[in-house]
Protein backbone atom coordinates (compact mmCIF):
# COMPACT_ATOMS: atom_id res chain seq x y z
CA MET A 1 -6.60 -1.23 4.22
CA SER A 2 -9.10 -4.11 3.35
CA ASN A 3 -9.10 -8.25 4.42
CA THR A 4 -8.47 -8.59 0.71
CA HIS A 5 -5.11 -6.63 0.83
CA ASP A 6 -3.76 -7.91 4.26
CA ASN A 7 -5.00 -11.43 3.36
CA LYS A 8 -2.59 -11.14 0.12
CA VAL A 9 0.01 -9.67 2.11
CA LYS A 10 0.09 -12.81 4.68
CA GLU A 11 0.04 -14.98 1.97
CA ILE A 12 2.79 -13.96 -0.17
CA SER A 13 4.62 -13.00 3.32
CA ARG A 14 4.29 -16.79 4.40
CA ASP A 15 5.20 -18.18 1.25
CA LEU A 16 8.36 -16.46 1.23
CA SER A 17 9.12 -17.11 4.78
CA LYS A 18 8.58 -20.86 4.02
CA LYS A 19 11.10 -20.33 1.04
CA GLY A 20 13.86 -19.17 3.59
CA TRP A 21 13.39 -15.46 3.29
CA GLU A 22 13.41 -12.80 6.13
CA VAL A 23 10.26 -11.09 5.72
CA GLU A 24 8.85 -7.91 7.28
CA ALA A 25 5.28 -6.85 6.44
CA ASP A 26 2.92 -3.84 6.74
CA VAL A 27 0.54 -6.14 8.90
CA PRO A 28 0.26 -6.91 12.39
CA GLU A 29 2.03 -10.16 12.80
CA TYR A 30 5.16 -9.31 11.16
CA LYS A 31 8.08 -6.11 11.88
CA THR A 32 7.15 -3.05 9.82
CA PRO A 33 9.40 -2.45 6.93
CA GLU A 34 11.42 0.97 6.98
CA GLY A 35 10.36 3.55 5.03
CA ILE A 36 11.54 4.35 1.79
CA GLY A 37 12.20 7.26 -0.29
CA LYS A 38 11.91 10.94 0.91
CA ASP A 39 8.17 10.37 1.77
CA GLY A 40 8.84 7.49 3.74
CA TYR A 41 6.39 5.14 1.99
CA ILE A 42 5.70 1.92 3.89
CA PRO A 43 6.39 -1.17 1.55
CA ASP A 44 3.78 -3.93 1.76
CA ILE A 45 6.74 -6.45 2.32
CA HIS A 46 10.28 -6.33 2.33
CA ALA A 47 12.30 -9.75 2.07
CA ILE A 48 15.98 -10.39 2.02
CA LYS A 49 17.79 -13.44 1.58
CA GLY A 50 21.15 -13.58 1.39
CA VAL A 51 22.24 -10.72 -0.84
CA ARG A 52 18.93 -10.57 -2.52
CA GLU A 53 16.34 -8.09 -1.49
CA ARG A 54 12.59 -7.78 -2.74
CA ILE A 55 10.17 -4.77 -2.37
CA ILE A 56 6.62 -6.04 -2.75
CA GLU A 57 3.64 -3.54 -2.78
CA VAL A 58 0.26 -5.13 -3.00
CA ASP A 59 -2.82 -2.67 -4.05
CA THR A 60 -6.32 -3.68 -5.04
CA PRO A 61 -7.35 -1.48 -8.23
CA ASN A 62 -8.65 1.34 -6.33
CA THR A 63 -5.42 1.78 -4.00
CA ILE A 64 -2.57 1.93 -6.54
CA ASP A 65 -0.41 5.23 -5.56
CA SER A 66 1.85 6.27 -8.51
CA ASN A 67 4.32 8.37 -6.30
CA GLN A 68 4.55 5.21 -4.01
CA LEU A 69 5.16 2.96 -6.65
CA ARG A 70 7.90 5.21 -8.44
CA ALA A 71 9.46 5.30 -5.12
CA PHE A 72 9.77 1.39 -4.36
CA ARG A 73 10.75 1.03 -8.61
CA GLN A 74 13.82 3.62 -8.28
CA SER A 75 14.89 2.34 -4.51
CA ALA A 76 15.01 -1.19 -6.06
CA SER A 77 16.90 0.20 -9.14
CA HIS A 78 19.51 1.91 -6.94
CA ARG A 79 20.11 -1.10 -5.10
CA LYS A 80 22.36 -4.19 -6.46
CA ASN A 81 20.52 -7.06 -6.00
CA ALA A 82 17.36 -5.79 -5.20
CA GLU A 83 13.96 -6.17 -7.64
CA PHE A 84 10.68 -4.36 -7.08
CA GLU A 85 7.17 -6.33 -7.47
CA HIS A 86 3.89 -4.81 -7.65
CA VAL A 87 0.83 -7.31 -6.82
CA ILE A 88 -2.91 -6.46 -7.90
CA THR A 89 -5.45 -8.42 -5.51
CA ARG A 90 -9.32 -8.35 -6.21
CA PRO A 91 -11.79 -9.22 -3.63
CA LYS A 92 -13.29 -12.59 -4.05
CA LYS A 93 -16.36 -12.67 -5.86
CA ARG A 94 -19.02 -14.24 -4.10
C-alpha cells in the first residue's frame, strides 16, 4: 500500500481512538481486523464503541475493489448498530 493510503488509515485510527473508539487497523502499530465475508477481506479500520461498530475502507482512486466494498457494505447492513464508510484519499500535490 502507498504512504498516502497508510497515512490516512493512521490519521482516521488516531482520531477514532481519541474519541473513545476501540480501533483495529490494517497498519503496523494496530491489531489487524478480522477478515469479513467468504473471501475474508480485511477492512482498513474496524472500530467499536459500546454497541456501535464502524467498518472503514480507505482507497486511493486506483485501488478501489468493488467486491471488497460490497462485502463490507453487506456485513455492516447485517449488523444491528454497524455502519460502513468508504474514504477515498489522494496523494498530496507537490
